[in-house]
Amino acid sequence: MPDLKENPSLRDLQEYVKKMTAERGFDHEGVTEKFVLMMEEVGELAKAVRKTQGMHLDQNSTKYRTDHEAADVFFYLLDICNKLGIDLEMALRDKEEINKTRSWSAALTGGKSSD
């Protein structure tokens, strides 16, 4: 079982997910299946956030931890990026360069801004 480095970079995390997915036998699943699983985790994160914000929940609802649910979503995102050959750190850097050129005033006033 690979160890997760102390203070890992995003690239380290992505590589760790790649190794853990293979070790656990989930490397054969396709992007669509991974995406559906990630969306399921997003729903669980939403439920956990509702709970932490004191919003009404079904009494029979399973208890969720926001930190664990967020980690599950992140794991699936990295796994999907691996399947698609996306270096998420580079994609984030590239996208931020584009974002730096955008006007965010519409977002601050509640309006829409373009992607």
PDB file of N, CA and C in Angstrom:
ATOM      1  N   MET A   1       0.849  -1.174   0.000  1.00  0.00           N
ATOM      2  CA  MET A   1       0.000   0.000   0.000  1.00  0.00           C
ATOM      3  C   MET A   1       0.897   1.241   0.000  1.00  0.00           C
ATOM      4  N   PRO A   2       0.707   2.146  -0.964  1.00  0.00           N
ATOM      5  CA  PRO A   2       1.543   3.349  -1.013  1.00  0.00           C
ATOM      6  C   PRO A   2       1.212   4.284   0.150  1.00  0.00           C
ATOM      7  N   ASP A   3       2.208   5.003   0.594  1.00  0.00           N
ATOM      8  CA  ASP A   3       2.012   5.995   1.647  1.00  0.00           C
ATOM      9  C   ASP A   3       1.778   7.346   1.010  1.00  0.00           C
ATOM     10  N   LEU A   4       0.934   8.121   1.648  1.00  0.00           N
ATOM     11  CA  LEU A   4       0.695   9.488   1.208  1.00  0.00           C
ATOM     12  C   LEU A   4       1.777  10.361   1.825  1.00  0.00           C
ATOM     13  N   LYS A   5       2.484  11.096   0.984  1.00  0.00           N
ATOM     14  CA  LYS A   5       3.572  11.962   1.449  1.00  0.00           C
ATOM     15  C   LYS A   5       3.068  12.997   2.448  1.00  0.00           C
ATOM     16  N   GLU A   6       3.963  13.398   3.337  1.00  0.00           N
ATOM     17  CA  GLU A   6       3.688  14.528   4.217  1.00  0.00           C
ATOM     18  C   GLU A   6       3.701  15.785   3.347  1.00  0.00           C
ATOM     19  N   ASN A   7       2.694  16.637   3.473  1.00  0.00           N
ATOM     20  CA  ASN A   7       2.575  17.863   2.677  1.00  0.00           C
ATOM     21  C   ASN A   7       2.660  17.584   1.171  1.00  0.00           C
ATOM     22  N   PRO A   8       1.787  16.735   0.657  1.00  0.00           N
ATOM     23  CA  PRO A   8       1.852  16.389  -0.768  1.00  0.00           C
ATOM     24  C   PRO A   8       1.430  17.536  -1.668  1.00  0.00           C
ATOM     25  N   SER A   9       2.000  17.568  -2.864  1.00  0.00           N
ATOM     26  CA  SER A   9       1.548  18.503  -3.889  1.00  0.00           C
ATOM     27  C   SER A   9       0.283  17.928  -4.519  1.00  0.00           C
ATOM     28  N   LEU A  10      -0.374  18.712  -5.316  1.00  0.00           N
ATOM     29  CA  LEU A  10      -1.547  18.217  -6.025  1.00  0.00           C
ATOM     30  C   LEU A  10      -1.173  17.049  -6.930  1.00  0.00           C
ATOM     31  N   ARG A  11      -0.029  17.152  -7.580  1.00  0.00           N
ATOM     32  CA  ARG A  11       0.456  16.071  -8.438  1.00  0.00           C
ATOM     33  C   ARG A  11       0.713  14.793  -7.614  1.00  0.00           C
ATOM     34  N   ASP A  12       1.268  14.948  -6.401  1.00  0.00           N
ATOM     35  CA  ASP A  12       1.481  13.801  -5.509  1.00  0.00           C
ATOM     36  C   ASP A  12       0.147  13.145  -5.154  1.00  0.00           C
ATOM     37  N   LEU A  13      -0.845  13.952  -4.866  1.00  0.00           N
ATOM     38  CA  LEU A  13      -2.165  13.426  -4.520  1.00  0.00           C
ATOM     39  C   LEU A  13      -2.773  12.681  -5.702  1.00  0.00           C
ATOM     40  N   GLN A  14      -2.623  13.233  -6.887  1.00  0.00           N
ATOM     41  CA  GLN A  14      -3.167  12.601  -8.077  1.00  0.00           C
ATOM     42  C   GLN A  14      -2.483  11.252  -8.315  1.00  0.00           C
ATOM     43  N   GLU A  15      -1.187  11.191  -8.116  1.00  0.00           N
ATOM     44  CA  GLU A  15      -0.448   9.932  -8.284  1.00  0.00           C
ATOM     45  C   GLU A  15      -0.850   8.921  -7.209  1.00  0.00           C
ATOM     46  N   TYR A  16      -1.051   9.380  -5.993  1.00  0.00           N
ATOM     47  CA  TYR A  16      -1.495   8.506  -4.902  1.00  0.00           C
ATOM     48  C   TYR A  16      -2.852   7.878  -5.241  1.00  0.00           C
ATOM     49  N   VAL A  17      -3.773   8.699  -5.731  1.00  0.00           N
ATOM     50  CA  VAL A  17      -5.100   8.199  -6.104  1.00  0.00           C
ATOM     51  C   VAL A  17      -4.970   7.159  -7.217  1.00  0.00           C
ATOM     52  N   LYS A  18      -4.107   7.408  -8.165  1.00  0.00           N
ATOM     53  CA  LYS A  18      -3.888   6.454  -9.261  1.00  0.00           C
ATOM     54  C   LYS A  18      -3.439   5.096  -8.709  1.00  0.00           C
ATOM     55  N   LYS A  19      -2.487   5.124  -7.798  1.00  0.00           N
ATOM     56  CA  LYS A  19      -1.976   3.881  -7.215  1.00  0.00           C
ATOM     57  C   LYS A  19      -3.021   3.191  -6.348  1.00  0.00           C
ATOM     58  N   MET A  20      -3.738   3.959  -5.522  1.00  0.00           N
ATOM     59  CA  MET A  20      -4.742   3.373  -4.628  1.00  0.00           C
ATOM     60  C   MET A  20      -5.909   2.791  -5.421  1.00  0.00           C
ATOM     61  N   THR A  21      -6.299   3.451  -6.479  1.00  0.00           N
ATOM     62  CA  THR A  21      -7.395   2.951  -7.308  1.00  0.00           C
ATOM     63  C   THR A  21      -7.014   1.602  -7.921  1.00  0.00           C
ATOM     64  N   ALA A  22      -5.790   1.501  -8.407  1.00  0.00           N
ATOM     65  CA  ALA A  22      -5.312   0.235  -8.978  1.00  0.00           C
ATOM     66  C   ALA A  22      -5.223  -0.834  -7.893  1.00  0.00           C
ATOM     67  N   GLU A  23      -4.688  -0.461  -6.745  1.00  0.00           N
ATOM     68  CA  GLU A  23      -4.531  -1.431  -5.667  1.00  0.00           C
ATOM     69  C   GLU A  23      -5.869  -1.961  -5.171  1.00  0.00           C
ATOM     70  N   ARG A  24      -6.868  -1.121  -5.152  1.00  0.00           N
ATOM     71  CA  ARG A  24      -8.195  -1.510  -4.660  1.00  0.00           C
ATOM     72  C   ARG A  24      -9.048  -2.167  -5.744  1.00  0.00           C
ATOM     73  N   GLY A  25      -8.510  -2.243  -6.975  1.00  0.00           N
ATOM     74  CA  GLY A  25      -9.223  -2.914  -8.053  1.00  0.00           C
ATOM     75  C   GLY A  25     -10.281  -2.077  -8.735  1.00  0.00           C
ATOM     76  N   PHE A  26     -10.199  -0.759  -8.594  1.00  0.00           N
ATOM     77  CA  PHE A  26     -11.190   0.122  -9.208  1.00  0.00           C
ATOM     78  C   PHE A  26     -10.680   0.811 -10.462  1.00  0.00           C
ATOM     79  N   ASP A  27      -9.518   0.408 -10.955  1.00  0.00           N
ATOM     80  CA  ASP A  27      -8.944   1.072 -12.122  1.00  0.00           C
ATOM     81  C   ASP A  27      -9.607   0.669 -13.432  1.00  0.00           C
ATOM     82  N   HIS A  28     -10.464  -0.339 -13.410  1.00  0.00           N
ATOM     83  CA  HIS A  28     -11.165  -0.769 -14.620  1.00  0.00           C
ATOM     84  C   HIS A  28     -12.448   0.025 -14.865  1.00  0.00           C
ATOM     85  N   GLU A  29     -12.905   0.795 -13.869  1.00  0.00           N
ATOM     86  CA  GLU A  29     -14.139   1.562 -14.016  1.00  0.00           C
ATOM     87  C   GLU A  29     -13.914   2.731 -14.972  1.00  0.00           C
ATOM     88  N   GLY A  30     -14.912   3.020 -15.771  1.00  0.00           N
ATOM     89  CA  GLY A  30     -14.810   4.098 -16.747  1.00  0.00           C
ATOM     90  C   GLY A  30     -15.130   5.462 -16.171  1.00  0.00           C
ATOM     91  N   VAL A  31     -14.930   6.482 -16.985  1.00  0.00           N
ATOM     92  CA  VAL A  31     -15.151   7.863 -16.576  1.00  0.00           C
ATOM     93  C   VAL A  31     -16.604   8.092 -16.178  1.00  0.00           C
ATOM     94  N   THR A  32     -17.535   7.552 -16.942  1.00  0.00           N
ATOM     95  CA  THR A  32     -18.952   7.760 -16.634  1.00  0.00           C
ATOM     96  C   THR A  32     -19.298   7.192 -15.272  1.00  0.00           C
ATOM     97  N   GLU A  33     -18.834   5.983 -14.990  1.00  0.00           N
ATOM     98  CA  GLU A  33     -19.100   5.375 -13.688  1.00  0.00           C
ATOM     99  C   GLU A  33     -18.459   6.199 -12.572  1.00  0.00           C
ATOM    100  N   LYS A  34     -17.227   6.649 -12.783  1.00  0.00           N
ATOM    101  CA  LYS A  34     -16.530   7.470 -11.783  1.00  0.00           C
ATOM    102  C   LYS A  34     -17.293   8.772 -11.544  1.00  0.00           C
ATOM    103  N   PHE A  35     -17.792   9.370 -12.628  1.00  0.00           N
ATOM    104  CA  PHE A  35     -18.516  10.631 -12.502  1.00  0.00           C
ATOM    105  C   PHE A  35     -19.798  10.450 -11.695  1.00  0.00           C
ATOM    106  N   VAL A  36     -20.528   9.383 -11.968  1.00  0.00           N
ATOM    107  CA  VAL A  36     -21.761   9.111 -11.225  1.00  0.00           C
ATOM    108  C   VAL A  36     -21.444   8.896  -9.746  1.00  0.00           C
ATOM    109  N   LEU A  37     -20.382   8.160  -9.464  1.00  0.00           N
ATOM    110  CA  LEU A  37     -19.976   7.938  -8.068  1.00  0.00           C
ATOM    111  C   LEU A  37     -19.585   9.254  -7.397  1.00  0.00           C
ATOM    112  N   MET A  38     -18.889  10.121  -8.133  1.00  0.00           N
ATOM    113  CA  MET A  38     -18.511  11.409  -7.569  1.00  0.00           C
ATOM    114  C   MET A  38     -19.754  12.241  -7.253  1.00  0.00           C
ATOM    115  N   MET A  39     -20.733  12.218  -8.144  1.00  0.00           N
ATOM    116  CA  MET A  39     -21.952  12.980  -7.906  1.00  0.00           C
ATOM    117  C   MET A  39     -22.710  12.444  -6.692  1.00  0.00           C
ATOM    118  N   GLU A  40     -22.660  11.153  -6.490  1.00  0.00           N
ATOM    119  CA  GLU A  40     -23.258  10.566  -5.289  1.00  0.00           C
ATOM    120  C   GLU A  40     -22.567  11.131  -4.042  1.00  0.00           C
ATOM    121  N   GLU A  41     -21.247  11.235  -4.102  1.00  0.00           N
ATOM    122  CA  GLU A  41     -20.488  11.792  -2.972  1.00  0.00           C
ATOM    123  C   GLU A  41     -20.792  13.278  -2.794  1.00  0.00           C
ATOM    124  N   VAL A  42     -21.004  14.008  -3.895  1.00  0.00           N
ATOM    125  CA  VAL A  42     -21.373  15.419  -3.797  1.00  0.00           C
ATOM    126  C   VAL A  42     -22.701  15.543  -3.046  1.00  0.00           C
ATOM    127  N   GLY A  43     -23.639  14.644  -3.323  1.00  0.00           N
ATOM    128  CA  GLY A  43     -24.913  14.633  -2.603  1.00  0.00           C
ATOM    129  C   GLY A  43     -24.720  14.381  -1.114  1.00  0.00           C
ATOM    130  N   GLU A  44     -23.824  13.467  -0.781  1.00  0.00           N
ATOM    131  CA  GLU A  44     -23.541  13.192   0.626  1.00  0.00           C
ATOM    132  C   GLU A  44     -22.870  14.393   1.286  1.00  0.00           C
ATOM    133  N   LEU A  45     -22.009  15.086   0.547  1.00  0.00           N
ATOM    134  CA  LEU A  45     -21.393  16.298   1.076  1.00  0.00           C
ATOM    135  C   LEU A  45     -22.464  17.366   1.312  1.00  0.00           C
ATOM    136  N   ALA A  46     -23.400  17.497   0.378  1.00  0.00           N
ATOM    137  CA  ALA A  46     -24.489  18.465   0.536  1.00  0.00           C
ATOM    138  C   ALA A  46     -25.297  18.160   1.793  1.00  0.00           C
ATOM    139  N   LYS A  47     -25.574  16.900   2.025  1.00  0.00           N
ATOM    140  CA  LYS A  47     -26.324  16.512   3.217  1.00  0.00           C
ATOM    141  C   LYS A  47     -25.534  16.832   4.483  1.00  0.00           C
ATOM    142  N   ALA A  48     -24.232  16.581   4.452  1.00  0.00           N
ATOM    143  CA  ALA A  48     -23.389  16.889   5.603  1.00  0.00           C
ATOM    144  C   ALA A  48     -23.352  18.392   5.864  1.00  0.00           C
ATOM    145  N   VAL A  49     -23.280  19.190   4.795  1.00  0.00           N
ATOM    146  CA  VAL A  49     -23.286  20.648   4.952  1.00  0.00           C
ATOM    147  C   VAL A  49     -24.617  21.096   5.534  1.00  0.00           C
ATOM    148  N   ARG A  50     -25.706  20.536   5.049  1.00  0.00           N
ATOM    149  CA  ARG A  50     -27.025  20.866   5.602  1.00  0.00           C
ATOM    150  C   ARG A  50     -27.051  20.623   7.100  1.00  0.00           C
ATOM    151  N   LYS A  51     -26.480  19.507   7.501  1.00  0.00           N
ATOM    152  CA  LYS A  51     -26.473  19.166   8.923  1.00  0.00           C
ATOM    153  C   LYS A  51     -25.663  20.184   9.716  1.00  0.00           C
ATOM    154  N   THR A  52     -24.480  20.550   9.217  1.00  0.00           N
ATOM    155  CA  THR A  52     -23.633  21.494   9.954  1.00  0.00           C
ATOM    156  C   THR A  52     -24.244  22.890  10.007  1.00  0.00           C
ATOM    157  N   GLN A  53     -25.119  23.215   9.051  1.00  0.00           N
ATOM    158  CA  GLN A  53     -25.752  24.534   9.003  1.00  0.00           C
ATOM    159  C   GLN A  53     -27.090  24.571   9.732  1.00  0.00           C
ATOM    160  N   GLY A  54     -27.450  23.434  10.345  1.00  0.00           N
ATOM    161  CA  GLY A  54     -28.681  23.377  11.120  1.00  0.00           C
ATOM    162  C   GLY A  54     -29.942  23.323  10.275  1.00  0.00           C
ATOM    163  N   MET A  55     -29.805  22.919   9.022  1.00  0.00           N
ATOM    164  CA  MET A  55     -30.972  22.804   8.147  1.00  0.00           C
ATOM    165  C   MET A  55     -31.717  21.512   8.461  1.00  0.00           C
ATOM    166  N   HIS A  56     -32.993  21.476   8.141  1.00  0.00           N
ATOM    167  CA  HIS A  56     -33.824  20.307   8.419  1.00  0.00           C
ATOM    168  C   HIS A  56     -33.305  19.082   7.658  1.00  0.00           C
ATOM    169  N   LEU A  57     -33.211  17.975   8.379  1.00  0.00           N
ATOM    170  CA  LEU A  57     -32.833  16.689   7.793  1.00  0.00           C
ATOM    171  C   LEU A  57     -33.801  15.628   8.259  1.00  0.00           C
ATOM    172  N   ASP A  58     -33.964  14.617   7.449  1.00  0.00           N
ATOM    173  CA  ASP A  58     -34.765  13.460   7.822  1.00  0.00           C
ATOM    174  C   ASP A  58     -34.176  12.842   9.086  1.00  0.00           C
ATOM    175  N   GLN A  59     -35.018  12.526  10.053  1.00  0.00           N
ATOM    176  CA  GLN A  59     -34.557  11.922  11.307  1.00  0.00           C
ATOM    177  C   GLN A  59     -33.824  10.608  11.076  1.00  0.00           C
ATOM    178  N   ASN A  60     -34.185   9.879  10.016  1.00  0.00           N
ATOM    179  CA  ASN A  60     -33.568   8.587   9.714  1.00  0.00           C
ATOM    180  C   ASN A  60     -32.310   8.710   8.859  1.00  0.00           C
ATOM    181  N   SER A  61     -31.942   9.935   8.533  1.00  0.00           N
ATOM    182  CA  SER A  61     -30.792  10.156   7.674  1.00  0.00           C
ATOM    183  C   SER A  61     -29.509   9.694   8.348  1.00  0.00           C
ATOM    184  N   THR A  62     -28.645   9.071   7.548  1.00  0.00           N
ATOM    185  CA  THR A  62     -27.342   8.652   8.052  1.00  0.00           C
ATOM    186  C   THR A  62     -26.519   9.891   8.361  1.00  0.00           C
ATOM    187  N   LYS A  63     -25.737   9.828   9.423  1.00  0.00           N
ATOM    188  CA  LYS A  63     -24.883  10.952   9.783  1.00  0.00           C
ATOM    189  C   LYS A  63     -23.677  10.996   8.861  1.00  0.00           C
ATOM    190  N   TYR A  64     -23.326  12.197   8.416  1.00  0.00           N
ATOM    191  CA  TYR A  64     -22.193  12.385   7.514  1.00  0.00           C
ATOM    192  C   TYR A  64     -21.217  13.368   8.124  1.00  0.00           C
ATOM    193  N   ARG A  65     -19.967  13.214   7.792  1.00  0.00           N
ATOM    194  CA  ARG A  65     -18.924  14.163   8.191  1.00  0.00           C
ATOM    195  C   ARG A  65     -18.516  14.943   6.953  1.00  0.00           C
ATOM    196  N   THR A  66     -18.566  16.253   7.038  1.00  0.00           N
ATOM    197  CA  THR A  66     -18.225  17.080   5.881  1.00  0.00           C
ATOM    198  C   THR A  66     -16.792  16.840   5.428  1.00  0.00           C
ATOM    199  N   ASP A  67     -15.868  16.656   6.352  1.00  0.00           N
ATOM    200  CA  ASP A  67     -14.479  16.459   5.955  1.00  0.00           C
ATOM    201  C   ASP A  67     -14.288  15.165   5.175  1.00  0.00           C
ATOM    202  N   HIS A  68     -14.938  14.101   5.609  1.00  0.00           N
ATOM    203  CA  HIS A  68     -14.820  12.821   4.900  1.00  0.00           C
ATOM    204  C   HIS A  68     -15.519  12.867   3.552  1.00  0.00           C
ATOM    205  N   GLU A  69     -16.670  13.509   3.497  1.00  0.00           N
ATOM    206  CA  GLU A  69     -17.408  13.594   2.232  1.00  0.00           C
ATOM    207  C   GLU A  69     -16.647  14.464   1.233  1.00  0.00           C
ATOM    208  N   ALA A  70     -16.060  15.560   1.697  1.00  0.00           N
ATOM    209  CA  ALA A  70     -15.250  16.409   0.806  1.00  0.00           C
ATOM    210  C   ALA A  70     -14.051  15.617   0.282  1.00  0.00           C
ATOM    211  N   ALA A  71     -13.436  14.818   1.138  1.00  0.00           N
ATOM    212  CA  ALA A  71     -12.296  13.995   0.715  1.00  0.00           C
ATOM    213  C   ALA A  71     -12.730  12.983  -0.347  1.00  0.00           C
ATOM    214  N   ASP A  72     -13.912  12.384  -0.178  1.00  0.00           N
ATOM    215  CA  ASP A  72     -14.415  11.435  -1.174  1.00  0.00           C
ATOM    216  C   ASP A  72     -14.614  12.115  -2.526  1.00  0.00           C
ATOM    217  N   VAL A  73     -15.195  13.316  -2.522  1.00  0.00           N
ATOM    218  CA  VAL A  73     -15.414  14.060  -3.773  1.00  0.00           C
ATOM    219  C   VAL A  73     -14.070  14.356  -4.436  1.00  0.00           C
ATOM    220  N   PHE A  74     -13.102  14.805  -3.648  1.00  0.00           N
ATOM    221  CA  PHE A  74     -11.776  15.133  -4.175  1.00  0.00           C
ATOM    222  C   PHE A  74     -11.094  13.892  -4.751  1.00  0.00           C
ATOM    223  N   PHE A  75     -11.205  12.769  -4.068  1.00  0.00           N
ATOM    224  CA  PHE A  75     -10.623  11.512  -4.541  1.00  0.00           C
ATOM    225  C   PHE A  75     -11.182  11.155  -5.917  1.00  0.00           C
ATOM    226  N   TYR A  76     -12.517  11.231  -6.055  1.00  0.00           N
ATOM    227  CA  TYR A  76     -13.130  10.905  -7.349  1.00  0.00           C
ATOM    228  C   TYR A  76     -12.739  11.910  -8.425  1.00  0.00           C
ATOM    229  N   LEU A  77     -12.632  13.190  -8.069  1.00  0.00           N
ATOM    230  CA  LEU A  77     -12.198  14.185  -9.055  1.00  0.00           C
ATOM    231  C   LEU A  77     -10.803  13.851  -9.569  1.00  0.00           C
ATOM    232  N   LEU A  78      -9.890  13.524  -8.660  1.00  0.00           N
ATOM    233  CA  LEU A  78      -8.534  13.158  -9.074  1.00  0.00           C
ATOM    234  C   LEU A  78      -8.548  11.884  -9.911  1.00  0.00           C
ATOM    235  N   ASP A  79      -9.382  10.932  -9.533  1.00  0.00           N
ATOM    236  CA  ASP A  79      -9.484   9.680 -10.280  1.00  0.00           C
ATOM    237  C   ASP A  79      -9.993   9.929 -11.701  1.00  0.00           C
ATOM    238  N   ILE A  80     -11.001  10.785 -11.831  1.00  0.00           N
ATOM    239  CA  ILE A  80     -11.533  11.136 -13.158  1.00  0.00           C
ATOM    240  C   ILE A  80     -10.450  11.839 -13.979  1.00  0.00           C
ATOM    241  N   CYS A  81      -9.727  12.750 -13.365  1.00  0.00           N
ATOM    242  CA  CYS A  81      -8.638  13.437 -14.077  1.00  0.00           C
ATOM    243  C   CYS A  81      -7.605  12.432 -14.558  1.00  0.00           C
ATOM    244  N   ASN A  82      -7.269  11.466 -13.731  1.00  0.00           N
ATOM    245  CA  ASN A  82      -6.319  10.432 -14.149  1.00  0.00           C
ATOM    246  C   ASN A  82      -6.847   9.669 -15.358  1.00  0.00           C
ATOM    247  N   LYS A  83      -8.131   9.309 -15.328  1.00  0.00           N
ATOM    248  CA  LYS A  83      -8.725   8.564 -16.440  1.00  0.00           C
ATOM    249  C   LYS A  83      -8.694   9.368 -17.739  1.00  0.00           C
ATOM    250  N   LEU A  84      -8.852  10.686 -17.619  1.00  0.00           N
ATOM    251  CA  LEU A  84      -8.901  11.553 -18.798  1.00  0.00           C
ATOM    252  C   LEU A  84      -7.532  12.093 -19.192  1.00  0.00           C
ATOM    253  N   GLY A  85      -6.501  11.738 -18.427  1.00  0.00           N
ATOM    254  CA  GLY A  85      -5.159  12.219 -18.732  1.00  0.00           C
ATOM    255  C   GLY A  85      -4.965  13.697 -18.421  1.00  0.00           C
ATOM    256  N   ILE A  86      -5.704  14.195 -17.445  1.00  0.00           N
ATOM    257  CA  ILE A  86      -5.616  15.602 -17.059  1.00  0.00           C
ATOM    258  C   ILE A  86      -4.660  15.743 -15.887  1.00  0.00           C
ATOM    259  N   ASP A  87      -3.662  16.605 -16.035  1.00  0.00           N
ATOM    260  CA  ASP A  87      -2.802  17.001 -14.928  1.00  0.00           C
ATOM    261  C   ASP A  87      -3.549  18.137 -14.251  1.00  0.00           C
ATOM    262  N   LEU A  88      -4.200  17.845 -13.135  1.00  0.00           N
ATOM    263  CA  LEU A  88      -5.085  18.827 -12.512  1.00  0.00           C
ATOM    264  C   LEU A  88      -4.335  20.068 -12.043  1.00  0.00           C
ATOM    265  N   GLU A  89      -3.123  19.908 -11.570  1.00  0.00           N
ATOM    266  CA  GLU A  89      -2.349  21.080 -11.160  1.00  0.00           C
ATOM    267  C   GLU A  89      -2.119  22.014 -12.352  1.00  0.00           C
ATOM    268  N   MET A  90      -1.728  21.449 -13.479  1.00  0.00           N
ATOM    269  CA  MET A  90      -1.495  22.264 -14.675  1.00  0.00           C
ATOM    270  C   MET A  90      -2.804  22.872 -15.169  1.00  0.00           C
ATOM    271  N   ALA A  91      -3.879  22.102 -15.139  1.00  0.00           N
ATOM    272  CA  ALA A  91      -5.178  22.614 -15.568  1.00  0.00           C
ATOM    273  C   ALA A  91      -5.617  23.780 -14.685  1.00  0.00           C
ATOM    274  N   LEU A  92      -5.381  23.646 -13.378  1.00  0.00           N
ATOM    275  CA  LEU A  92      -5.730  24.716 -12.451  1.00  0.00           C
ATOM    276  C   LEU A  92      -4.913  25.974 -12.736  1.00  0.00           C
ATOM    277  N   ARG A  93      -3.621  25.791 -12.959  1.00  0.00           N
ATOM    278  CA  ARG A  93      -2.763  26.936 -13.270  1.00  0.00           C
ATOM    279  C   ARG A  93      -3.187  27.607 -14.580  1.00  0.00           C
ATOM    280  N   ASP A  94      -3.454  26.799 -15.612  1.00  0.00           N
ATOM    281  CA  ASP A  94      -3.883  27.342 -16.904  1.00  0.00           C
ATOM    282  C   ASP A  94      -5.196  28.102 -16.769  1.00  0.00           C
ATOM    283  N   LYS A  95      -6.148  27.513 -16.059  1.00  0.00           N
ATOM    284  CA  LYS A  95      -7.464  28.140 -15.899  1.00  0.00           C
ATOM    285  C   LYS A  95      -7.360  29.435 -15.099  1.00  0.00           C
ATOM    286  N   GLU A  96      -6.493  29.456 -14.093  1.00  0.00           N
ATOM    287  CA  GLU A  96      -6.319  30.676 -13.306  1.00  0.00           C
ATOM    288  C   GLU A  96      -5.723  31.806 -14.137  1.00  0.00           C
ATOM    289  N   GLU A  97      -4.863  31.482 -15.088  1.00  0.00           N
ATOM    290  CA  GLU A  97      -4.333  32.519 -15.971  1.00  0.00           C
ATOM    291  C   GLU A  97      -5.462  33.143 -16.783  1.00  0.00           C
ATOM    292  N   ILE A  98      -6.407  32.324 -17.220  1.00  0.00           N
ATOM    293  CA  ILE A  98      -7.586  32.841 -17.938  1.00  0.00           C
ATOM    294  C   ILE A  98      -8.452  33.661 -16.989  1.00  0.00           C
ATOM    295  N   ASN A  99      -8.673  33.130 -15.777  1.00  0.00           N
ATOM    296  CA  ASN A  99      -9.521  33.822 -14.802  1.00  0.00           C
ATOM    297  C   ASN A  99      -8.964  35.199 -14.425  1.00  0.00           C
ATOM    298  N   LYS A 100      -7.659  35.339 -14.429  1.00  0.00           N
ATOM    299  CA  LYS A 100      -7.042  36.618 -14.080  1.00  0.00           C
ATOM    300  C   LYS A 100      -7.401  37.716 -15.077  1.00  0.00           C
ATOM    301  N   THR A 101      -7.783  37.322 -16.290  1.00  0.00           N
ATOM    302  CA  THR A 101      -8.127  38.305 -17.318  1.00  0.00           C
ATOM    303  C   THR A 101      -9.618  38.627 -17.334  1.00  0.00           C
ATOM    304  N   ARG A 102     -10.407  37.917 -16.542  1.00  0.00           N
ATOM    305  CA  ARG A 102     -11.858  38.113 -16.533  1.00  0.00           C
ATOM    306  C   ARG A 102     -12.271  39.243 -15.605  1.00  0.00           C
ATOM    307  N   SER A 103     -13.437  39.802 -15.887  1.00  0.00           N
ATOM    308  CA  SER A 103     -14.032  40.797 -15.009  1.00  0.00           C
ATOM    309  C   SER A 103     -14.944  40.073 -14.031  1.00  0.00           C
ATOM    310  N   TRP A 104     -14.746  40.304 -12.764  1.00  0.00           N
ATOM    311  CA  TRP A 104     -15.537  39.614 -11.742  1.00  0.00           C
ATOM    312  C   TRP A 104     -16.584  40.519 -11.121  1.00  0.00           C
ATOM    313  N   SER A 105     -16.770  41.719 -11.636  1.00  0.00           N
ATOM    314  CA  SER A 105     -17.727  42.644 -11.031  1.00  0.00           C
ATOM    315  C   SER A 105     -19.150  42.100 -11.075  1.00  0.00           C
ATOM    316  N   ALA A 106     -19.516  41.391 -12.132  1.00  0.00           N
ATOM    317  CA  ALA A 106     -20.861  40.828 -12.230  1.00  0.00           C
ATOM    318  C   ALA A 106     -21.081  39.787 -11.142  1.00  0.00           C
ATOM    319  N   ALA A 107     -20.064  38.993 -10.844  1.00  0.00           N
ATOM    320  CA  ALA A 107     -20.182  37.970  -9.811  1.00  0.00           C
ATOM    321  C   ALA A 107     -20.349  38.613  -8.443  1.00  0.00           C
ATOM    322  N   LEU A 108     -19.689  39.740  -8.217  1.00  0.00           N
ATOM    323  CA  LEU A 108     -19.770  40.417  -6.918  1.00  0.00           C
ATOM    324  C   LEU A 108     -21.110  41.093  -6.714  1.00  0.00           C
ATOM    325  N   THR A 109     -21.790  41.460  -7.788  1.00  0.00           N
ATOM    326  CA  THR A 109     -23.084  42.136  -7.680  1.00  0.00           C
ATOM    327  C   THR A 109     -24.257  41.203  -7.850  1.00  0.00           C
ATOM    328  N   GLY A 110     -23.983  39.903  -7.952  1.00  0.00           N
ATOM    329  CA  GLY A 110     -25.061  38.936  -8.087  1.00  0.00           C
ATOM    330  C   GLY A 110     -25.448  38.649  -9.517  1.00  0.00           C
ATOM    331  N   GLY A 111     -24.794  39.288 -10.472  1.00  0.00           N
ATOM    332  CA  GLY A 111     -25.082  39.032 -11.884  1.00  0.00           C
ATOM    333  C   GLY A 111     -24.290  37.859 -12.400  1.00  0.00           C
ATOM    334  N   LYS A 112     -24.438  37.597 -13.646  1.00  0.00           N
ATOM    335  CA  LYS A 112     -23.725  36.478 -14.275  1.00  0.00           C
ATOM    336  C   LYS A 112     -22.479  37.009 -14.972  1.00  0.00           C
ATOM    337  N   SER A 113     -21.411  36.203 -14.928  1.00  0.00           N
ATOM    338  CA  SER A 113     -20.237  36.500 -15.723  1.00  0.00           C
ATOM    339  C   SER A 113     -19.978  35.310 -16.618  1.00  0.00           C
ATOM    340  N   SER A 114     -19.260  35.516 -17.702  1.00  0.00           N
ATOM    341  CA  SER A 114     -19.037  34.432 -18.652  1.00  0.00           C
ATOM    342  C   SER A 114     -17.910  33.515 -18.198  1.00  0.00           C
ATOM    343  N   ASP A 115     -17.924  32.285 -18.687  1.00  0.00           N
ATOM    344  CA  ASP A 115     -16.870  31.332 -18.407  1.00  0.00           C
ATOM    345  C   ASP A 115     -15.733  31.641 -19.308  1.00  0.00           C
TER     346      ASP A 115
END
